[in-house]
mmCIF file of all heavy atoms, coordinates in Angstrom:
data_MODEL
# 
_entry.id   MODEL 
# 
loop_
_atom_site.group_PDB 
_atom_site.id 
_atom_site.type_symbol 
_atom_site.label_atom_id 
_atom_site.label_alt_id 
_atom_site.label_comp_id 
_atom_site.label_asym_id 
_atom_site.label_entity_id 
_atom_site.label_seq_id 
_atom_site.pdbx_PDB_ins_code 
_atom_site.Cartn_x 
_atom_site.Cartn_y 
_atom_site.Cartn_z 
_atom_site.occupancy 
_atom_site.B_iso_or_equiv 
_atom_site.pdbx_formal_charge 
_atom_site.auth_seq_id 
_atom_site.auth_comp_id 
_atom_site.auth_asym_id 
_atom_site.auth_atom_id 
_atom_site.pdbx_PDB_model_num 
ATOM 1   N N   . LYS A 1 1  ? 104.121 104.302 76.709 1.00 0.00 ? 1  LYS A N   1 
ATOM 2   C CA  . LYS A 1 1  ? 105.470 104.009 77.188 1.00 0.00 ? 1  LYS A CA  1 
ATOM 3   C C   . LYS A 1 1  ? 105.395 103.450 78.599 1.00 0.00 ? 1  LYS A C   1 
ATOM 4   O O   . LYS A 1 1  ? 104.837 104.083 79.494 1.00 0.00 ? 1  LYS A O   1 
ATOM 5   C CB  . LYS A 1 1  ? 106.308 105.285 77.184 1.00 0.00 ? 1  LYS A CB  1 
ATOM 6   C CG  . LYS A 1 1  ? 107.628 105.188 77.929 1.00 0.00 ? 1  LYS A CG  1 
ATOM 7   C CD  . LYS A 1 1  ? 108.608 104.269 77.230 1.00 0.00 ? 1  LYS A CD  1 
ATOM 8   C CE  . LYS A 1 1  ? 109.950 104.264 77.944 1.00 0.00 ? 1  LYS A CE  1 
ATOM 9   N NZ  . LYS A 1 1  ? 110.909 103.338 77.286 1.00 0.00 ? 1  LYS A NZ  1 
ATOM 10  N N   . LEU A 1 2  ? 105.972 102.260 78.784 1.00 0.00 ? 2  LEU A N   1 
ATOM 11  C CA  . LEU A 1 2  ? 106.048 101.656 80.108 1.00 0.00 ? 2  LEU A CA  1 
ATOM 12  C C   . LEU A 1 2  ? 107.460 101.805 80.627 1.00 0.00 ? 2  LEU A C   1 
ATOM 13  O O   . LEU A 1 2  ? 108.410 101.486 79.938 1.00 0.00 ? 2  LEU A O   1 
ATOM 14  C CB  . LEU A 1 2  ? 105.662 100.176 80.039 1.00 0.00 ? 2  LEU A CB  1 
ATOM 15  C CG  . LEU A 1 2  ? 105.638 99.421  81.367 1.00 0.00 ? 2  LEU A CG  1 
ATOM 16  C CD1 . LEU A 1 2  ? 104.541 99.965  82.264 1.00 0.00 ? 2  LEU A CD1 1 
ATOM 17  C CD2 . LEU A 1 2  ? 105.438 97.921  81.131 1.00 0.00 ? 2  LEU A CD2 1 
ATOM 18  N N   . GLY A 1 3  ? 107.587 102.321 81.821 1.00 0.00 ? 3  GLY A N   1 
ATOM 19  C CA  . GLY A 1 3  ? 108.908 102.481 82.396 1.00 0.00 ? 3  GLY A CA  1 
ATOM 20  C C   . GLY A 1 3  ? 109.475 103.868 82.135 1.00 0.00 ? 3  GLY A C   1 
ATOM 21  O O   . GLY A 1 3  ? 108.768 104.780 81.718 1.00 0.00 ? 3  GLY A O   1 
ATOM 22  N N   . GLN A 1 4  ? 110.758 103.980 82.374 1.00 0.00 ? 4  GLN A N   1 
ATOM 23  C CA  . GLN A 1 4  ? 111.420 105.271 82.277 1.00 0.00 ? 4  GLN A CA  1 
ATOM 24  C C   . GLN A 1 4  ? 111.920 105.555 80.859 1.00 0.00 ? 4  GLN A C   1 
ATOM 25  O O   . GLN A 1 4  ? 112.384 104.660 80.165 1.00 0.00 ? 4  GLN A O   1 
ATOM 26  C CB  . GLN A 1 4  ? 112.615 105.308 83.239 1.00 0.00 ? 4  GLN A CB  1 
ATOM 27  C CG  . GLN A 1 4  ? 112.257 105.138 84.702 1.00 0.00 ? 4  GLN A CG  1 
ATOM 28  C CD  . GLN A 1 4  ? 111.418 106.281 85.218 1.00 0.00 ? 4  GLN A CD  1 
ATOM 29  O OE1 . GLN A 1 4  ? 111.687 107.443 84.919 1.00 0.00 ? 4  GLN A OE1 1 
ATOM 30  N NE2 . GLN A 1 4  ? 110.384 105.972 85.979 1.00 0.00 ? 4  GLN A NE2 1 
ATOM 31  N N   . PHE A 1 5  ? 111.828 106.816 80.461 1.00 0.00 ? 5  PHE A N   1 
ATOM 32  C CA  . PHE A 1 5  ? 112.455 107.228 79.220 1.00 0.00 ? 5  PHE A CA  1 
ATOM 33  C C   . PHE A 1 5  ? 113.979 107.253 79.405 1.00 0.00 ? 5  PHE A C   1 
ATOM 34  O O   . PHE A 1 5  ? 114.483 107.382 80.518 1.00 0.00 ? 5  PHE A O   1 
ATOM 35  C CB  . PHE A 1 5  ? 111.961 108.616 78.813 1.00 0.00 ? 5  PHE A CB  1 
ATOM 36  C CG  . PHE A 1 5  ? 110.545 108.627 78.319 1.00 0.00 ? 5  PHE A CG  1 
ATOM 37  C CD1 . PHE A 1 5  ? 109.516 108.979 79.175 1.00 0.00 ? 5  PHE A CD1 1 
ATOM 38  C CD2 . PHE A 1 5  ? 110.243 108.289 77.015 1.00 0.00 ? 5  PHE A CD2 1 
ATOM 39  C CE1 . PHE A 1 5  ? 108.198 108.997 78.738 1.00 0.00 ? 5  PHE A CE1 1 
ATOM 40  C CE2 . PHE A 1 5  ? 108.933 108.298 76.557 1.00 0.00 ? 5  PHE A CE2 1 
ATOM 41  C CZ  . PHE A 1 5  ? 107.909 108.654 77.426 1.00 0.00 ? 5  PHE A CZ  1 
ATOM 42  N N   . SER A 1 6  ? 114.691 107.175 78.294 1.00 0.00 ? 6  SER A N   1 
ATOM 43  C CA  . SER A 1 6  ? 116.148 107.093 78.362 1.00 0.00 ? 6  SER A CA  1 
ATOM 44  C C   . SER A 1 6  ? 116.807 108.413 78.709 1.00 0.00 ? 6  SER A C   1 
ATOM 45  O O   . SER A 1 6  ? 117.960 108.457 79.115 1.00 0.00 ? 6  SER A O   1 
ATOM 46  C CB  . SER A 1 6  ? 116.699 106.574 77.024 1.00 0.00 ? 6  SER A CB  1 
ATOM 47  O OG  . SER A 1 6  ? 116.371 107.480 75.979 1.00 0.00 ? 6  SER A OG  1 
ATOM 48  N N   . SER A 1 7  ? 116.073 109.526 78.535 1.00 0.00 ? 7  SER A N   1 
ATOM 49  C CA  . SER A 1 7  ? 116.611 110.833 78.868 1.00 0.00 ? 7  SER A CA  1 
ATOM 50  C C   . SER A 1 7  ? 115.466 111.799 79.106 1.00 0.00 ? 7  SER A C   1 
ATOM 51  O O   . SER A 1 7  ? 114.302 111.460 78.886 1.00 0.00 ? 7  SER A O   1 
ATOM 52  C CB  . SER A 1 7  ? 117.516 111.362 77.747 1.00 0.00 ? 7  SER A CB  1 
ATOM 53  O OG  . SER A 1 7  ? 116.736 111.699 76.612 1.00 0.00 ? 7  SER A OG  1 
ATOM 54  N N   . GLY A 1 8  ? 115.817 113.011 79.522 1.00 0.00 ? 8  GLY A N   1 
ATOM 55  C CA  . GLY A 1 8  ? 114.790 113.987 79.861 1.00 0.00 ? 8  GLY A CA  1 
ATOM 56  C C   . GLY A 1 8  ? 113.935 114.427 78.693 1.00 0.00 ? 8  GLY A C   1 
ATOM 57  O O   . GLY A 1 8  ? 112.804 114.870 78.893 1.00 0.00 ? 8  GLY A O   1 
ATOM 58  N N   . THR A 1 9  ? 114.444 114.336 77.490 1.00 0.00 ? 9  THR A N   1 
ATOM 59  C CA  . THR A 1 9  ? 113.674 114.760 76.318 1.00 0.00 ? 9  THR A CA  1 
ATOM 60  C C   . THR A 1 9  ? 113.264 113.584 75.440 1.00 0.00 ? 9  THR A C   1 
ATOM 61  O O   . THR A 1 9  ? 112.793 113.778 74.325 1.00 0.00 ? 9  THR A O   1 
ATOM 62  C CB  . THR A 1 9  ? 114.488 115.758 75.477 1.00 0.00 ? 9  THR A CB  1 
ATOM 63  O OG1 . THR A 1 9  ? 115.705 115.140 75.068 1.00 0.00 ? 9  THR A OG1 1 
ATOM 64  C CG2 . THR A 1 9  ? 114.780 117.017 76.267 1.00 0.00 ? 9  THR A CG2 1 
ATOM 65  N N   . ALA A 1 10 ? 113.452 112.390 75.934 1.00 0.00 ? 10 ALA A N   1 
ATOM 66  C CA  . ALA A 1 10 ? 113.183 111.201 75.127 1.00 0.00 ? 10 ALA A CA  1 
ATOM 67  C C   . ALA A 1 10 ? 111.704 111.014 74.814 1.00 0.00 ? 10 ALA A C   1 
ATOM 68  O O   . ALA A 1 10 ? 111.363 110.270 73.893 1.00 0.00 ? 10 ALA A O   1 
ATOM 69  C CB  . ALA A 1 10 ? 113.729 109.965 75.827 1.00 0.00 ? 10 ALA A CB  1 
ATOM 70  N N   . TYR A 1 11 ? 110.823 111.690 75.557 1.00 0.00 ? 11 TYR A N   1 
ATOM 71  C CA  . TYR A 1 11 ? 109.388 111.575 75.296 1.00 0.00 ? 11 TYR A CA  1 
ATOM 72  C C   . TYR A 1 11 ? 109.054 112.039 73.875 1.00 0.00 ? 11 TYR A C   1 
ATOM 73  O O   . TYR A 1 11 ? 107.995 111.742 73.345 1.00 0.00 ? 11 TYR A O   1 
ATOM 74  C CB  . TYR A 1 11 ? 108.587 112.391 76.312 1.00 0.00 ? 11 TYR A CB  1 
ATOM 75  C CG  . TYR A 1 11 ? 108.938 113.853 76.312 1.00 0.00 ? 11 TYR A CG  1 
ATOM 76  C CD1 . TYR A 1 11 ? 108.343 114.729 75.417 1.00 0.00 ? 11 TYR A CD1 1 
ATOM 77  C CD2 . TYR A 1 11 ? 109.899 114.357 77.175 1.00 0.00 ? 11 TYR A CD2 1 
ATOM 78  C CE1 . TYR A 1 11 ? 108.679 116.064 75.383 1.00 0.00 ? 11 TYR A CE1 1 
ATOM 79  C CE2 . TYR A 1 11 ? 110.255 115.695 77.152 1.00 0.00 ? 11 TYR A CE2 1 
ATOM 80  C CZ  . TYR A 1 11 ? 109.639 116.541 76.249 1.00 0.00 ? 11 TYR A CZ  1 
ATOM 81  O OH  . TYR A 1 11 ? 109.978 117.858 76.216 1.00 0.00 ? 11 TYR A OH  1 
ATOM 82  N N   . LYS A 1 12 ? 109.948 112.817 73.255 1.00 0.00 ? 12 LYS A N   1 
ATOM 83  C CA  . LYS A 1 12 ? 109.713 113.319 71.901 1.00 0.00 ? 12 LYS A CA  1 
ATOM 84  C C   . LYS A 1 12 ? 110.081 112.298 70.824 1.00 0.00 ? 12 LYS A C   1 
ATOM 85  O O   . LYS A 1 12 ? 109.784 112.500 69.647 1.00 0.00 ? 12 LYS A O   1 
ATOM 86  C CB  . LYS A 1 12 ? 110.565 114.570 71.652 1.00 0.00 ? 12 LYS A CB  1 
ATOM 87  C CG  . LYS A 1 12 ? 110.247 115.751 72.533 1.00 0.00 ? 12 LYS A CG  1 
ATOM 88  C CD  . LYS A 1 12 ? 111.137 116.923 72.165 1.00 0.00 ? 12 LYS A CD  1 
ATOM 89  C CE  . LYS A 1 12 ? 110.859 118.137 73.028 1.00 0.00 ? 12 LYS A CE  1 
ATOM 90  N NZ  . LYS A 1 12 ? 111.717 119.286 72.653 1.00 0.00 ? 12 LYS A NZ  1 
ATOM 91  N N   . ARG A 1 13 ? 110.719 111.225 71.211 1.00 0.00 ? 13 ARG A N   1 
ATOM 92  C CA  . ARG A 1 13 ? 111.247 110.276 70.222 1.00 0.00 ? 13 ARG A CA  1 
ATOM 93  C C   . ARG A 1 13 ? 110.317 109.086 70.093 1.00 0.00 ? 13 ARG A C   1 
ATOM 94  O O   . ARG A 1 13 ? 110.065 108.358 71.066 1.00 0.00 ? 13 ARG A O   1 
ATOM 95  C CB  . ARG A 1 13 ? 112.639 109.822 70.648 1.00 0.00 ? 13 ARG A CB  1 
ATOM 96  C CG  . ARG A 1 13 ? 113.608 110.981 70.783 1.00 0.00 ? 13 ARG A CG  1 
ATOM 97  C CD  . ARG A 1 13 ? 114.971 110.535 71.252 1.00 0.00 ? 13 ARG A CD  1 
ATOM 98  N NE  . ARG A 1 13 ? 115.760 111.662 71.721 1.00 0.00 ? 13 ARG A NE  1 
ATOM 99  C CZ  . ARG A 1 13 ? 116.571 111.623 72.765 1.00 0.00 ? 13 ARG A CZ  1 
ATOM 100 N NH1 . ARG A 1 13 ? 116.696 110.500 73.440 1.00 0.00 ? 13 ARG A NH1 1 
ATOM 101 N NH2 . ARG A 1 13 ? 117.244 112.684 73.121 1.00 0.00 ? 13 ARG A NH2 1 
ATOM 102 N N   . ASP A 1 14 ? 109.873 108.821 68.894 1.00 0.00 ? 14 ASP A N   1 
ATOM 103 C CA  . ASP A 1 14 ? 108.876 107.771 68.718 1.00 0.00 ? 14 ASP A CA  1 
ATOM 104 C C   . ASP A 1 14 ? 109.418 106.395 69.088 1.00 0.00 ? 14 ASP A C   1 
ATOM 105 O O   . ASP A 1 14 ? 108.668 105.543 69.578 1.00 0.00 ? 14 ASP A O   1 
ATOM 106 C CB  . ASP A 1 14 ? 108.296 107.785 67.308 1.00 0.00 ? 14 ASP A CB  1 
ATOM 107 C CG  . ASP A 1 14 ? 109.341 107.634 66.226 1.00 0.00 ? 14 ASP A CG  1 
ATOM 108 O OD1 . ASP A 1 14 ? 110.547 107.522 66.540 1.00 0.00 ? 14 ASP A OD1 1 
ATOM 109 O OD2 . ASP A 1 14 ? 108.953 107.634 65.038 1.00 0.00 ? 14 ASP A OD2 1 
ATOM 110 N N   . HIS A 1 15 ? 110.703 106.161 68.883 1.00 0.00 ? 15 HIS A N   1 
ATOM 111 C CA  . HIS A 1 15 ? 111.240 104.827 69.175 1.00 0.00 ? 15 HIS A CA  1 
ATOM 112 C C   . HIS A 1 15 ? 111.291 104.529 70.673 1.00 0.00 ? 15 HIS A C   1 
ATOM 113 O O   . HIS A 1 15 ? 111.529 103.383 71.062 1.00 0.00 ? 15 HIS A O   1 
ATOM 114 C CB  . HIS A 1 15 ? 112.630 104.659 68.559 1.00 0.00 ? 15 HIS A CB  1 
ATOM 115 C CG  . HIS A 1 15 ? 113.672 105.528 69.173 1.00 0.00 ? 15 HIS A CG  1 
ATOM 116 N ND1 . HIS A 1 15 ? 114.041 106.744 68.660 1.00 0.00 ? 15 HIS A ND1 1 
ATOM 117 C CD2 . HIS A 1 15 ? 114.451 105.359 70.273 1.00 0.00 ? 15 HIS A CD2 1 
ATOM 118 C CE1 . HIS A 1 15 ? 114.979 107.279 69.404 1.00 0.00 ? 15 HIS A CE1 1 
ATOM 119 N NE2 . HIS A 1 15 ? 115.248 106.467 70.400 1.00 0.00 ? 15 HIS A NE2 1 
ATOM 120 N N   . GLU A 1 16 ? 111.061 105.533 71.499 1.00 0.00 ? 16 GLU A N   1 
ATOM 121 C CA  . GLU A 1 16 ? 111.052 105.299 72.953 1.00 0.00 ? 16 GLU A CA  1 
ATOM 122 C C   . GLU A 1 16 ? 109.764 104.621 73.412 1.00 0.00 ? 16 GLU A C   1 
ATOM 123 O O   . GLU A 1 16 ? 109.695 104.070 74.495 1.00 0.00 ? 16 GLU A O   1 
ATOM 124 C CB  . GLU A 1 16 ? 111.189 106.638 73.678 1.00 0.00 ? 16 GLU A CB  1 
ATOM 125 C CG  . GLU A 1 16 ? 112.576 107.259 73.566 1.00 0.00 ? 16 GLU A CG  1 
ATOM 126 C CD  . GLU A 1 16 ? 113.534 106.724 74.627 1.00 0.00 ? 16 GLU A CD  1 
ATOM 127 O OE1 . GLU A 1 16 ? 113.065 106.196 75.649 1.00 0.00 ? 16 GLU A OE1 1 
ATOM 128 O OE2 . GLU A 1 16 ? 114.769 106.838 74.414 1.00 0.00 ? 16 GLU A OE2 1 
ATOM 129 N N   . TYR A 1 17 ? 108.733 104.688 72.601 1.00 0.00 ? 17 TYR A N   1 
ATOM 130 C CA  . TYR A 1 17 ? 107.425 104.184 73.000 1.00 0.00 ? 17 TYR A CA  1 
ATOM 131 C C   . TYR A 1 17 ? 107.286 102.702 72.661 1.00 0.00 ? 17 TYR A C   1 
ATOM 132 O O   . TYR A 1 17 ? 107.820 102.223 71.662 1.00 0.00 ? 17 TYR A O   1 
ATOM 133 C CB  . TYR A 1 17 ? 106.315 105.009 72.350 1.00 0.00 ? 17 TYR A CB  1 
ATOM 134 C CG  . TYR A 1 17 ? 106.238 106.397 72.929 1.00 0.00 ? 17 TYR A CG  1 
ATOM 135 C CD1 . TYR A 1 17 ? 107.134 107.390 72.541 1.00 0.00 ? 17 TYR A CD1 1 
ATOM 136 C CD2 . TYR A 1 17 ? 105.282 106.729 73.884 1.00 0.00 ? 17 TYR A CD2 1 
ATOM 137 C CE1 . TYR A 1 17 ? 107.098 108.659 73.091 1.00 0.00 ? 17 TYR A CE1 1 
ATOM 138 C CE2 . TYR A 1 17 ? 105.215 108.003 74.432 1.00 0.00 ? 17 TYR A CE2 1 
ATOM 139 C CZ  . TYR A 1 17 ? 106.124 108.957 74.035 1.00 0.00 ? 17 TYR A CZ  1 
ATOM 140 O OH  . TYR A 1 17 ? 106.078 110.229 74.585 1.00 0.00 ? 17 TYR A OH  1 
ATOM 141 N N   . ASP A 1 18 ? 106.535 102.008 73.492 1.00 0.00 ? 18 ASP A N   1 
ATOM 142 C CA  . ASP A 1 18 ? 106.437 100.558 73.382 1.00 0.00 ? 18 ASP A CA  1 
ATOM 143 C C   . ASP A 1 18 ? 105.251 100.084 72.557 1.00 0.00 ? 18 ASP A C   1 
ATOM 144 O O   . ASP A 1 18 ? 105.307 99.025  71.929 1.00 0.00 ? 18 ASP A O   1 
ATOM 145 C CB  . ASP A 1 18 ? 106.328 99.954  74.783 1.00 0.00 ? 18 ASP A CB  1 
ATOM 146 C CG  . ASP A 1 18 ? 107.497 100.349 75.666 1.00 0.00 ? 18 ASP A CG  1 
ATOM 147 O OD1 . ASP A 1 18 ? 108.643 100.012 75.285 1.00 0.00 ? 18 ASP A OD1 1 
ATOM 148 O OD2 . ASP A 1 18 ? 107.279 100.976 76.720 1.00 0.00 ? 18 ASP A OD2 1 
ATOM 149 N N   . TYR A 1 19 ? 104.166 100.841 72.579 1.00 0.00 ? 19 TYR A N   1 
ATOM 150 C CA  . TYR A 1 19 ? 102.945 100.402 71.909 1.00 0.00 ? 19 TYR A CA  1 
ATOM 151 C C   . TYR A 1 19 ? 102.336 101.565 71.116 1.00 0.00 ? 19 TYR A C   1 
ATOM 152 O O   . TYR A 1 19 ? 102.406 102.718 71.556 1.00 0.00 ? 19 TYR A O   1 
ATOM 153 C CB  . TYR A 1 19 ? 101.920 99.877  72.937 1.00 0.00 ? 19 TYR A CB  1 
ATOM 154 C CG  . TYR A 1 19 ? 102.443 98.748  73.771 1.00 0.00 ? 19 TYR A CG  1 
ATOM 155 C CD1 . TYR A 1 19 ? 102.899 98.982  75.066 1.00 0.00 ? 19 TYR A CD1 1 
ATOM 156 C CD2 . TYR A 1 19 ? 102.514 97.458  73.258 1.00 0.00 ? 19 TYR A CD2 1 
ATOM 157 C CE1 . TYR A 1 19 ? 103.407 97.953  75.836 1.00 0.00 ? 19 TYR A CE1 1 
ATOM 158 C CE2 . TYR A 1 19 ? 103.017 96.419  74.028 1.00 0.00 ? 19 TYR A CE2 1 
ATOM 159 C CZ  . TYR A 1 19 ? 103.467 96.679  75.310 1.00 0.00 ? 19 TYR A CZ  1 
ATOM 160 O OH  . TYR A 1 19 ? 103.973 95.656  76.060 1.00 0.00 ? 19 TYR A OH  1 
ATOM 161 N N   . TRP A 1 20 ? 101.728 101.201 69.990 1.00 0.00 ? 20 TRP A N   1 
ATOM 162 C CA  . TRP A 1 20 ? 101.160 102.195 69.088 1.00 0.00 ? 20 TRP A CA  1 
ATOM 163 C C   . TRP A 1 20 ? 99.776  101.785 68.631 1.00 0.00 ? 20 TRP A C   1 
ATOM 164 O O   . TRP A 1 20 ? 99.497  100.595 68.468 1.00 0.00 ? 20 TRP A O   1 
ATOM 165 C CB  . TRP A 1 20 ? 102.056 102.355 67.852 1.00 0.00 ? 20 TRP A CB  1 
ATOM 166 C CG  . TRP A 1 20 ? 103.359 102.990 68.174 1.00 0.00 ? 20 TRP A CG  1 
ATOM 167 C CD1 . TRP A 1 20 ? 104.481 102.379 68.669 1.00 0.00 ? 20 TRP A CD1 1 
ATOM 168 C CD2 . TRP A 1 20 ? 103.684 104.377 68.065 1.00 0.00 ? 20 TRP A CD2 1 
ATOM 169 N NE1 . TRP A 1 20 ? 105.472 103.304 68.856 1.00 0.00 ? 20 TRP A NE1 1 
ATOM 170 C CE2 . TRP A 1 20 ? 105.012 104.536 68.498 1.00 0.00 ? 20 TRP A CE2 1 
ATOM 171 C CE3 . TRP A 1 20 ? 102.975 105.496 67.637 1.00 0.00 ? 20 TRP A CE3 1 
ATOM 172 C CZ2 . TRP A 1 20 ? 105.653 105.778 68.508 1.00 0.00 ? 20 TRP A CZ2 1 
ATOM 173 C CZ3 . TRP A 1 20 ? 103.602 106.728 67.647 1.00 0.00 ? 20 TRP A CZ3 1 
ATOM 174 C CH2 . TRP A 1 20 ? 104.930 106.863 68.079 1.00 0.00 ? 20 TRP A CH2 1 
ATOM 175 N N   . GLY A 1 21 ? 98.949  102.799 68.394 1.00 0.00 ? 21 GLY A N   1 
ATOM 176 C CA  . GLY A 1 21 ? 97.690  102.550 67.748 1.00 0.00 ? 21 GLY A CA  1 
ATOM 177 C C   . GLY A 1 21 ? 97.851  102.519 66.240 1.00 0.00 ? 21 GLY A C   1 
ATOM 178 O O   . GLY A 1 21 ? 98.956  102.708 65.714 1.00 0.00 ? 21 GLY A O   1 
ATOM 179 N N   . GLN A 1 22 ? 96.756  102.321 65.544 1.00 0.00 ? 22 GLN A N   1 
ATOM 180 C CA  . GLN A 1 22 ? 96.800  102.198 64.093 1.00 0.00 ? 22 GLN A CA  1 
ATOM 181 C C   . GLN A 1 22 ? 96.755  103.550 63.392 1.00 0.00 ? 22 GLN A C   1 
ATOM 182 O O   . GLN A 1 22 ? 97.023  103.644 62.197 1.00 0.00 ? 22 GLN A O   1 
ATOM 183 C CB  . GLN A 1 22 ? 95.628  101.326 63.603 1.00 0.00 ? 22 GLN A CB  1 
ATOM 184 C CG  . GLN A 1 22 ? 94.306  102.052 63.433 1.00 0.00 ? 22 GLN A CG  1 
ATOM 185 C CD  . GLN A 1 22 ? 93.644  102.430 64.745 1.00 0.00 ? 22 GLN A CD  1 
ATOM 186 O OE1 . GLN A 1 22 ? 94.062  102.004 65.821 1.00 0.00 ? 22 GLN A OE1 1 
ATOM 187 N NE2 . GLN A 1 22 ? 92.595  103.238 64.677 1.00 0.00 ? 22 GLN A NE2 1 
ATOM 188 N N   . GLY A 1 23 ? 96.415  104.589 64.142 1.00 0.00 ? 23 GLY A N   1 
ATOM 189 C CA  . GLY A 1 23 ? 96.383  105.928 63.577 1.00 0.00 ? 23 GLY A CA  1 
ATOM 190 C C   . GLY A 1 23 ? 95.002  106.343 63.113 1.00 0.00 ? 23 GLY A C   1 
ATOM 191 O O   . GLY A 1 23 ? 94.158  105.510 62.768 1.00 0.00 ? 23 GLY A O   1 
ATOM 192 N N   . THR A 1 24 ? 94.771  107.637 63.096 1.00 0.00 ? 24 THR A N   1 
ATOM 193 C CA  . THR A 1 24 ? 93.526  108.194 62.595 1.00 0.00 ? 24 THR A CA  1 
ATOM 194 C C   . THR A 1 24 ? 93.860  109.428 61.755 1.00 0.00 ? 24 THR A C   1 
ATOM 195 O O   . THR A 1 24 ? 94.685  110.250 62.147 1.00 0.00 ? 24 THR A O   1 
ATOM 196 C CB  . THR A 1 24 ? 92.553  108.535 63.738 1.00 0.00 ? 24 THR A CB  1 
ATOM 197 O OG1 . THR A 1 24 ? 91.292  108.952 63.212 1.00 0.00 ? 24 THR A OG1 1 
ATOM 198 C CG2 . THR A 1 24 ? 93.086  109.623 64.668 1.00 0.00 ? 24 THR A CG2 1 
# 
């Protein structure tokens, strides 16, 4: 995540993040 989250608990929301890996 680059920049500020939209709220204090937004770190829990996947749509707040900008980039993702492919998963393991």
